[in-house]
Amino acid sequence: MQTVTRAEIKAEAKGFLMKFYVYNLQLFLIPILTMFLMNVSTDTNRWGVALVGFLITVVNFITTKSMQYVTLDNLRAGQPTGAPISQQMEMTKKKYFFGVLMISLLSYIYLFFWTLLLVIPGIVKSFSYSQALNLYKDSVDAGQPLGYNEAITKSRELMNGHKVDMLVLYLSFILWGLAVLFTLGLAMFFVYPYYTITVQNFYLHLLREKNFEPTTRIVDVQVLGDDTNEFE
């Protein structure tokens, strides 16, 4: 299969965002607002405010993971797949909830230990593990749920040779990040959906390019092992 360029991936994402902008704005509204509130809640040491900040962080986690999952479904369907407000609780569905929590926790633990060694290996591993939740969703939807470590290992396999591609994709949003700063956060209502849709579109194209099967079982799970061509 012919490799799709970064520009094409971003163009597809922007086209989907603009075609259904009102829907996407509603879908991403709570994650964006809670992101702003999280920044405010960290500016004080008051116990009560800290508790509220924790609750806001939980809401942000749930809605962020939910809109990532919903975005995958939307991109595959070529259109919105439901009501954006109710879809912000997608992650709390029984089939996803515990798996998302466990994979996220395991990823954070593994990245913590890698970062203890050196910062760079930790950054590299963050790219290696970046598709674990997407792969887990696809395996669950296919009726063949991956194990938590399996999902992380499958992510390493999928990202082998493509970590630099993702890094460059991230860096291509630097100017958009500056736009958010210069507009005092207002541009976030465009940039954040655009960024997220682009990243999820990257995953979909990566699956197609590598003819990758998310549901294939892995017998020998080596989550902390070295990746082949680690920096490629």
C-alpha atoms as a PDB file:
ATOM      1  CA  MET A   1       0.000   0.000   0.000  1.00  0.00           C
ATOM      2  CA  GLN A   2       1.250   3.490  -0.838  1.00  0.00           C
ATOM      3  CA  THR A   3       2.302   5.495   2.213  1.00  0.00           C
ATOM      4  CA  VAL A   4       0.055   8.447   2.984  1.00  0.00           C
ATOM      5  CA  THR A   5       1.952  11.650   3.719  1.00  0.00           C
ATOM      6  CA  ARG A   6       1.713  13.667   6.910  1.00  0.00           C
ATOM      7  CA  ALA A   7       0.150  16.530   4.955  1.00  0.00           C
ATOM      8  CA  GLU A   8      -2.557  14.222   3.631  1.00  0.00           C
ATOM      9  CA  ILE A   9      -3.314  12.871   7.096  1.00  0.00           C
ATOM     10  CA  LYS A  10      -3.678  16.404   8.434  1.00  0.00           C
ATOM     11  CA  ALA A  11      -5.743  17.530   5.447  1.00  0.00           C
ATOM     12  CA  GLU A  12      -8.185  14.656   5.953  1.00  0.00           C
ATOM     13  CA  ALA A  13      -8.449  15.496   9.649  1.00  0.00           C
ATOM     14  CA  LYS A  14      -9.026  19.188   8.999  1.00  0.00           C
ATOM     15  CA  GLY A  15     -11.616  18.383   6.346  1.00  0.00           C
ATOM     16  CA  PHE A  16     -13.529  16.145   8.770  1.00  0.00           C
ATOM     17  CA  LEU A  17     -13.288  18.766  11.520  1.00  0.00           C
ATOM     18  CA  MET A  18     -14.619  21.579   9.353  1.00  0.00           C
ATOM     19  CA  LYS A  19     -17.366  19.496   7.732  1.00  0.00           C
ATOM     20  CA  PHE A  20     -18.805  18.644  11.149  1.00  0.00           C
ATOM     21  CA  TYR A  21     -17.419  21.500  13.216  1.00  0.00           C
ATOM     22  CA  VAL A  22     -20.441  22.131  15.444  1.00  0.00           C
ATOM     23  CA  TYR A  23     -20.594  18.441  16.319  1.00  0.00           C
ATOM     24  CA  ASN A  24     -16.832  18.260  16.973  1.00  0.00           C
ATOM     25  CA  LEU A  25     -16.932  21.414  19.094  1.00  0.00           C
ATOM     26  CA  GLN A  26     -19.598  19.832  21.296  1.00  0.00           C
ATOM     27  CA  LEU A  27     -17.669  16.547  21.477  1.00  0.00           C
ATOM     28  CA  PHE A  28     -14.448  18.260  22.567  1.00  0.00           C
ATOM     29  CA  LEU A  29     -16.033  20.974  24.721  1.00  0.00           C
ATOM     30  CA  ILE A  30     -15.763  19.305  28.150  1.00  0.00           C
ATOM     31  CA  PRO A  31     -12.174  18.047  27.630  1.00  0.00           C
ATOM     32  CA  ILE A  32     -11.122  21.567  26.630  1.00  0.00           C
ATOM     33  CA  LEU A  33     -12.949  23.318  29.472  1.00  0.00           C
ATOM     34  CA  THR A  34     -11.653  20.862  32.084  1.00  0.00           C
ATOM     35  CA  MET A  35      -8.146  21.345  30.713  1.00  0.00           C
ATOM     36  CA  PHE A  36      -8.450  25.078  31.424  1.00  0.00           C
ATOM     37  CA  LEU A  37      -9.888  24.394  34.887  1.00  0.00           C
ATOM     38  CA  MET A  38      -7.070  21.975  35.699  1.00  0.00           C
ATOM     39  CA  ASN A  39      -4.555  24.755  35.097  1.00  0.00           C
ATOM     40  CA  VAL A  40      -6.491  27.101  37.383  1.00  0.00           C
ATOM     41  CA  SER A  41      -6.844  24.542  40.186  1.00  0.00           C
ATOM     42  CA  THR A  42      -3.072  23.975  40.355  1.00  0.00           C
ATOM     43  CA  ASP A  43      -2.459  27.635  41.217  1.00  0.00           C
ATOM     44  CA  THR A  44      -3.501  27.222  44.856  1.00  0.00           C
ATOM     45  CA  ASN A  45      -2.589  24.981  47.782  1.00  0.00           C
ATOM     46  CA  ARG A  46      -6.031  25.021  49.405  1.00  0.00           C
ATOM     47  CA  TRP A  47      -7.256  21.519  50.251  1.00  0.00           C
ATOM     48  CA  GLY A  48     -10.777  22.109  48.968  1.00  0.00           C
ATOM     49  CA  VAL A  49      -9.580  23.507  45.682  1.00  0.00           C
ATOM     50  CA  ALA A  50      -7.137  20.616  45.330  1.00  0.00           C
ATOM     51  CA  LEU A  51      -9.998  18.142  45.765  1.00  0.00           C
ATOM     52  CA  VAL A  52     -12.058  19.910  43.125  1.00  0.00           C
ATOM     53  CA  GLY A  53      -8.987  19.897  40.911  1.00  0.00           C
ATOM     54  CA  PHE A  54      -8.686  16.125  41.334  1.00  0.00           C
ATOM     55  CA  LEU A  55     -12.324  15.628  40.361  1.00  0.00           C
ATOM     56  CA  ILE A  56     -11.845  17.859  37.326  1.00  0.00           C
ATOM     57  CA  THR A  57      -8.807  15.774  36.345  1.00  0.00           C
ATOM     58  CA  VAL A  58     -10.898  12.601  36.539  1.00  0.00           C
ATOM     59  CA  VAL A  59     -13.587  14.148  34.337  1.00  0.00           C
ATOM     60  CA  ASN A  60     -10.918  15.306  31.905  1.00  0.00           C
ATOM     61  CA  PHE A  61      -9.416  11.804  31.725  1.00  0.00           C
ATOM     62  CA  ILE A  62     -12.784  10.155  31.064  1.00  0.00           C
ATOM     63  CA  THR A  63     -13.959  12.660  28.470  1.00  0.00           C
ATOM     64  CA  THR A  64     -10.574  12.807  26.725  1.00  0.00           C
ATOM     65  CA  LYS A  65     -10.325   9.033  26.310  1.00  0.00           C
ATOM     66  CA  SER A  66     -13.983   8.941  25.274  1.00  0.00           C
ATOM     67  CA  MET A  67     -13.623  11.530  22.527  1.00  0.00           C
ATOM     68  CA  GLN A  68     -10.523   9.736  21.235  1.00  0.00           C
ATOM     69  CA  TYR A  69     -12.506   6.520  20.906  1.00  0.00           C
ATOM     70  CA  VAL A  70     -15.505   8.271  19.381  1.00  0.00           C
ATOM     71  CA  THR A  71     -13.230  10.049  16.912  1.00  0.00           C
ATOM     72  CA  LEU A  72     -11.974   6.689  15.653  1.00  0.00           C
ATOM     73  CA  ASP A  73     -15.548   5.548  15.062  1.00  0.00           C
ATOM     74  CA  ASN A  74     -16.413   8.826  13.359  1.00  0.00           C
ATOM     75  CA  LEU A  75     -13.431   8.726  11.026  1.00  0.00           C
ATOM     76  CA  ARG A  76     -14.213   5.166  10.016  1.00  0.00           C
ATOM     77  CA  ALA A  77     -17.851   6.040   9.381  1.00  0.00           C
ATOM     78  CA  GLY A  78     -16.990   9.289   7.621  1.00  0.00           C
ATOM     79  CA  GLN A  79     -19.548  11.104   9.765  1.00  0.00           C
ATOM     80  CA  PRO A  80     -20.658  11.574  13.393  1.00  0.00           C
ATOM     81  CA  THR A  81     -21.852   8.330  14.951  1.00  0.00           C
ATOM     82  CA  GLY A  82     -24.047   9.682  17.739  1.00  0.00           C
ATOM     83  CA  ALA A  83     -24.939  12.569  20.036  1.00  0.00           C
ATOM     84  CA  PRO A  84     -21.731  14.382  21.061  1.00  0.00           C
ATOM     85  CA  ILE A  85     -22.727  15.086  24.652  1.00  0.00           C
ATOM     86  CA  SER A  86     -23.608  11.499  25.537  1.00  0.00           C
ATOM     87  CA  GLN A  87     -20.575  10.223  23.614  1.00  0.00           C
ATOM     88  CA  GLN A  88     -18.284  11.990  26.072  1.00  0.00           C
ATOM     89  CA  MET A  89     -18.937   9.073  28.433  1.00  0.00           C
ATOM     90  CA  GLU A  90     -17.952   6.432  25.864  1.00  0.00           C
ATOM     91  CA  MET A  91     -14.989   5.263  27.923  1.00  0.00           C
ATOM     92  CA  THR A  92     -17.205   4.408  30.884  1.00  0.00           C
ATOM     93  CA  LYS A  93     -18.881   1.584  28.964  1.00  0.00           C
ATOM     94  CA  LYS A  94     -18.266  -1.700  30.755  1.00  0.00           C
ATOM     95  CA  LYS A  95     -16.398  -3.211  27.808  1.00  0.00           C
ATOM     96  CA  TYR A  96     -13.798  -0.415  27.811  1.00  0.00           C
ATOM     97  CA  PHE A  97     -13.625   1.055  31.314  1.00  0.00           C
ATOM     98  CA  PHE A  98     -11.390  -1.273  33.310  1.00  0.00           C
ATOM     99  CA  GLY A  99      -9.143  -1.998  30.342  1.00  0.00           C
ATOM    100  CA  VAL A 100      -8.527   1.689  29.686  1.00  0.00           C
ATOM    101  CA  LEU A 101      -7.706   2.262  33.352  1.00  0.00           C
ATOM    102  CA  MET A 102      -5.313  -0.678  33.557  1.00  0.00           C
ATOM    103  CA  ILE A 103      -3.514   0.021  30.274  1.00  0.00           C
ATOM    104  CA  SER A 104      -3.129   3.683  31.202  1.00  0.00           C
ATOM    105  CA  LEU A 105      -1.790   2.762  34.641  1.00  0.00           C
ATOM    106  CA  LEU A 106       0.635   0.167  33.297  1.00  0.00           C
ATOM    107  CA  SER A 107       1.873   2.573  30.616  1.00  0.00           C
ATOM    108  CA  TYR A 108       2.513   5.277  33.225  1.00  0.00           C
ATOM    109  CA  ILE A 109       4.400   2.813  35.430  1.00  0.00           C
ATOM    110  CA  TYR A 110       6.571   1.537  32.582  1.00  0.00           C
ATOM    111  CA  LEU A 111       7.288   5.072  31.370  1.00  0.00           C
ATOM    112  CA  PHE A 112       8.189   6.138  34.915  1.00  0.00           C
ATOM    113  CA  PHE A 113      10.848   3.439  35.175  1.00  0.00           C
ATOM    114  CA  TRP A 114      12.182   4.139  31.682  1.00  0.00           C
ATOM    115  CA  THR A 115      12.433   7.848  32.531  1.00  0.00           C
ATOM    116  CA  LEU A 116      14.359   6.986  35.696  1.00  0.00           C
ATOM    117  CA  LEU A 117      17.083   5.599  33.438  1.00  0.00           C
ATOM    118  CA  LEU A 118      17.238   8.577  31.095  1.00  0.00           C
ATOM    119  CA  VAL A 119      14.744  11.099  29.756  1.00  0.00           C
ATOM    120  CA  ILE A 120      15.228  10.170  26.097  1.00  0.00           C
ATOM    121  CA  PRO A 121      14.360   6.462  26.516  1.00  0.00           C
ATOM    122  CA  GLY A 122      11.218   7.531  28.367  1.00  0.00           C
ATOM    123  CA  ILE A 123      10.201   9.795  25.498  1.00  0.00           C
ATOM    124  CA  VAL A 124      10.879   7.068  22.943  1.00  0.00           C
ATOM    125  CA  LYS A 125       8.793   4.574  24.912  1.00  0.00           C
ATOM    126  CA  SER A 126       5.924   7.057  25.142  1.00  0.00           C
ATOM    127  CA  PHE A 127       5.712   6.868  21.352  1.00  0.00           C
ATOM    128  CA  SER A 128       6.010   3.075  21.461  1.00  0.00           C
ATOM    129  CA  TYR A 129       3.056   2.772  23.846  1.00  0.00           C
ATOM    130  CA  SER A 130       0.960   5.521  22.231  1.00  0.00           C
ATOM    131  CA  GLN A 131      -1.415   3.231  20.324  1.00  0.00           C
ATOM    132  CA  ALA A 132      -2.148   0.738  23.110  1.00  0.00           C
ATOM    133  CA  LEU A 133      -5.574   2.155  23.976  1.00  0.00           C
ATOM    134  CA  ASN A 134      -6.623   2.346  20.325  1.00  0.00           C
ATOM    135  CA  LEU A 135      -5.569  -1.250  19.750  1.00  0.00           C
ATOM    136  CA  TYR A 136      -7.421  -2.332  22.860  1.00  0.00           C
ATOM    137  CA  LYS A 137     -10.610  -0.623  21.655  1.00  0.00           C
ATOM    138  CA  ASP A 138     -10.391  -2.291  18.254  1.00  0.00           C
ATOM    139  CA  SER A 139      -9.804  -5.708  19.797  1.00  0.00           C
ATOM    140  CA  VAL A 140     -12.765  -5.264  22.160  1.00  0.00           C
ATOM    141  CA  ASP A 141     -15.013  -4.120  19.314  1.00  0.00           C
ATOM    142  CA  ALA A 142     -13.940  -7.197  17.346  1.00  0.00           C
ATOM    143  CA  GLY A 143     -14.947  -9.432  20.252  1.00  0.00           C
ATOM    144  CA  GLN A 144     -11.349 -10.548  20.895  1.00  0.00           C
ATOM    145  CA  PRO A 145     -10.067  -8.313  23.730  1.00  0.00           C
ATOM    146  CA  LEU A 146      -6.313  -8.095  24.070  1.00  0.00           C
ATOM    147  CA  GLY A 147      -4.697  -8.470  27.459  1.00  0.00           C
ATOM    148  CA  TYR A 148      -3.485  -5.221  28.999  1.00  0.00           C
ATOM    149  CA  ASN A 149       0.203  -5.966  28.455  1.00  0.00           C
ATOM    150  CA  GLU A 150      -0.628  -7.435  25.058  1.00  0.00           C
ATOM    151  CA  ALA A 151      -2.133  -4.120  23.965  1.00  0.00           C
ATOM    152  CA  ILE A 152       1.035  -2.285  24.999  1.00  0.00           C
ATOM    153  CA  THR A 153       3.235  -4.816  23.232  1.00  0.00           C
ATOM    154  CA  LYS A 154       1.097  -4.647  20.099  1.00  0.00           C
ATOM    155  CA  SER A 155       1.503  -0.872  20.203  1.00  0.00           C
ATOM    156  CA  ARG A 156       5.278  -1.287  20.259  1.00  0.00           C
ATOM    157  CA  GLU A 157       5.003  -3.577  17.259  1.00  0.00           C
ATOM    158  CA  LEU A 158       2.733  -1.183  15.356  1.00  0.00           C
ATOM    159  CA  MET A 159       4.930   1.852  16.094  1.00  0.00           C
ATOM    160  CA  ASN A 160       8.175   0.097  15.184  1.00  0.00           C
ATOM    161  CA  GLY A 161       9.712   2.221  12.445  1.00  0.00           C
ATOM    162  CA  HIS A 162       7.124   5.006  12.866  1.00  0.00           C
ATOM    163  CA  LYS A 163       8.064   6.766  16.103  1.00  0.00           C
ATOM    164  CA  VAL A 164       9.875   9.536  14.232  1.00  0.00           C
ATOM    165  CA  ASP A 165       6.823   9.920  11.981  1.00  0.00           C
ATOM    166  CA  MET A 166       4.681  10.579  15.045  1.00  0.00           C
ATOM    167  CA  LEU A 167       7.275  12.937  16.518  1.00  0.00           C
ATOM    168  CA  VAL A 168       7.302  14.987  13.322  1.00  0.00           C
ATOM    169  CA  LEU A 169       3.494  14.972  13.337  1.00  0.00           C
ATOM    170  CA  TYR A 170       3.501  16.397  16.856  1.00  0.00           C
ATOM    171  CA  LEU A 171       6.093  19.022  15.952  1.00  0.00           C
ATOM    172  CA  SER A 172       3.993  20.143  13.000  1.00  0.00           C
ATOM    173  CA  PHE A 173       1.511  21.587  15.517  1.00  0.00           C
ATOM    174  CA  ILE A 174       4.030  23.937  17.166  1.00  0.00           C
ATOM    175  CA  LEU A 175       2.731  27.000  15.331  1.00  0.00           C
ATOM    176  CA  TRP A 176      -0.823  26.039  16.225  1.00  0.00           C
ATOM    177  CA  GLY A 177       0.312  25.859  19.851  1.00  0.00           C
ATOM    178  CA  LEU A 178       1.636  29.399  19.577  1.00  0.00           C
ATOM    179  CA  ALA A 179      -1.713  30.457  18.154  1.00  0.00           C
ATOM    180  CA  VAL A 180      -3.349  29.106  21.319  1.00  0.00           C
ATOM    181  CA  LEU A 181      -0.982  31.215  23.444  1.00  0.00           C
ATOM    182  CA  PHE A 182      -1.464  34.377  21.409  1.00  0.00           C
ATOM    183  CA  THR A 183      -5.268  34.067  21.531  1.00  0.00           C
ATOM    184  CA  LEU A 184      -5.230  33.392  25.293  1.00  0.00           C
ATOM    185  CA  GLY A 185      -6.588  29.913  24.742  1.00  0.00           C
ATOM    186  CA  LEU A 186      -9.421  30.705  22.344  1.00  0.00           C
ATOM    187  CA  ALA A 187      -7.734  28.927  19.439  1.00  0.00           C
ATOM    188  CA  MET A 188      -7.849  25.730  21.519  1.00  0.00           C
ATOM    189  CA  PHE A 189     -11.454  25.232  20.397  1.00  0.00           C
ATOM    190  CA  PHE A 190     -10.092  24.612  16.905  1.00  0.00           C
ATOM    191  CA  VAL A 191      -6.565  23.360  17.528  1.00  0.00           C
ATOM    192  CA  TYR A 192      -7.362  20.630  20.059  1.00  0.00           C
ATOM    193  CA  PRO A 193     -10.006  18.865  17.923  1.00  0.00           C
ATOM    194  CA  TYR A 194      -7.790  19.267  14.858  1.00  0.00           C
ATOM    195  CA  TYR A 195      -4.808  17.781  16.695  1.00  0.00           C
ATOM    196  CA  THR A 196      -6.748  14.856  18.152  1.00  0.00           C
ATOM    197  CA  ILE A 197      -8.495  13.961  14.903  1.00  0.00           C
ATOM    198  CA  THR A 198      -5.122  14.082  13.135  1.00  0.00           C
ATOM    199  CA  VAL A 199      -3.472  11.752  15.658  1.00  0.00           C
ATOM    200  CA  GLN A 200      -6.343   9.272  15.447  1.00  0.00           C
ATOM    201  CA  ASN A 201      -6.243   9.448  11.656  1.00  0.00           C
ATOM    202  CA  PHE A 202      -2.523   8.668  11.839  1.00  0.00           C
ATOM    203  CA  TYR A 203      -3.382   5.470  13.702  1.00  0.00           C
ATOM    204  CA  LEU A 204      -5.954   4.407  11.120  1.00  0.00           C
ATOM    205  CA  HIS A 205      -3.559   4.966   8.228  1.00  0.00           C
ATOM    206  CA  LEU A 206      -0.813   3.119  10.102  1.00  0.00           C
ATOM    207  CA  LEU A 207      -3.061   0.085  10.483  1.00  0.00           C
ATOM    208  CA  ARG A 208      -3.789   0.089   6.752  1.00  0.00           C
ATOM    209  CA  GLU A 209      -0.201   0.701   5.696  1.00  0.00           C
ATOM    210  CA  LYS A 210       1.152  -2.177   7.783  1.00  0.00           C
ATOM    211  CA  ASN A 211      -1.900  -4.401   7.219  1.00  0.00           C
ATOM    212  CA  PHE A 212      -1.908  -4.700  10.986  1.00  0.00           C
ATOM    213  CA  GLU A 213      -4.387  -6.913  12.839  1.00  0.00           C
ATOM    214  CA  PRO A 214      -5.150  -5.560  16.345  1.00  0.00           C
ATOM    215  CA  THR A 215      -6.764  -8.812  17.515  1.00  0.00           C
ATOM    216  CA  THR A 216      -3.821 -11.132  16.847  1.00  0.00           C
ATOM    217  CA  ARG A 217      -2.834 -12.797  20.092  1.00  0.00           C
ATOM    218  CA  ILE A 218       0.703 -12.473  21.417  1.00  0.00           C
ATOM    219  CA  VAL A 219       2.155 -15.523  23.120  1.00  0.00           C
ATOM    220  CA  ASP A 220       5.410 -14.045  24.413  1.00  0.00           C
ATOM    221  CA  VAL A 221       4.634 -10.651  25.950  1.00  0.00           C
ATOM    222  CA  GLN A 222       7.750  -8.534  26.556  1.00  0.00           C
ATOM    223  CA  VAL A 223       6.495  -5.076  27.390  1.00  0.00           C
ATOM    224  CA  LEU A 224       9.765  -3.715  28.722  1.00  0.00           C
ATOM    225  CA  GLY A 225      11.946  -5.253  26.038  1.00  0.00           C
ATOM    226  CA  ASP A 226      13.935  -3.166  23.584  1.00  0.00           C
ATOM    227  CA  ASP A 227      12.189  -2.172  20.366  1.00  0.00           C
ATOM    228  CA  THR A 228      13.748  -3.037  17.055  1.00  0.00           C
ATOM    229  CA  ASN A 229      14.993   0.116  15.318  1.00  0.00           C
ATOM    230  CA  GLU A 230      14.095   2.073  18.453  1.00  0.00           C
ATOM    231  CA  PHE A 231      14.588   5.533  16.990  1.00  0.00           C
ATOM    232  CA  GLU A 232      13.056   4.850  13.561  1.00  0.00           C
END
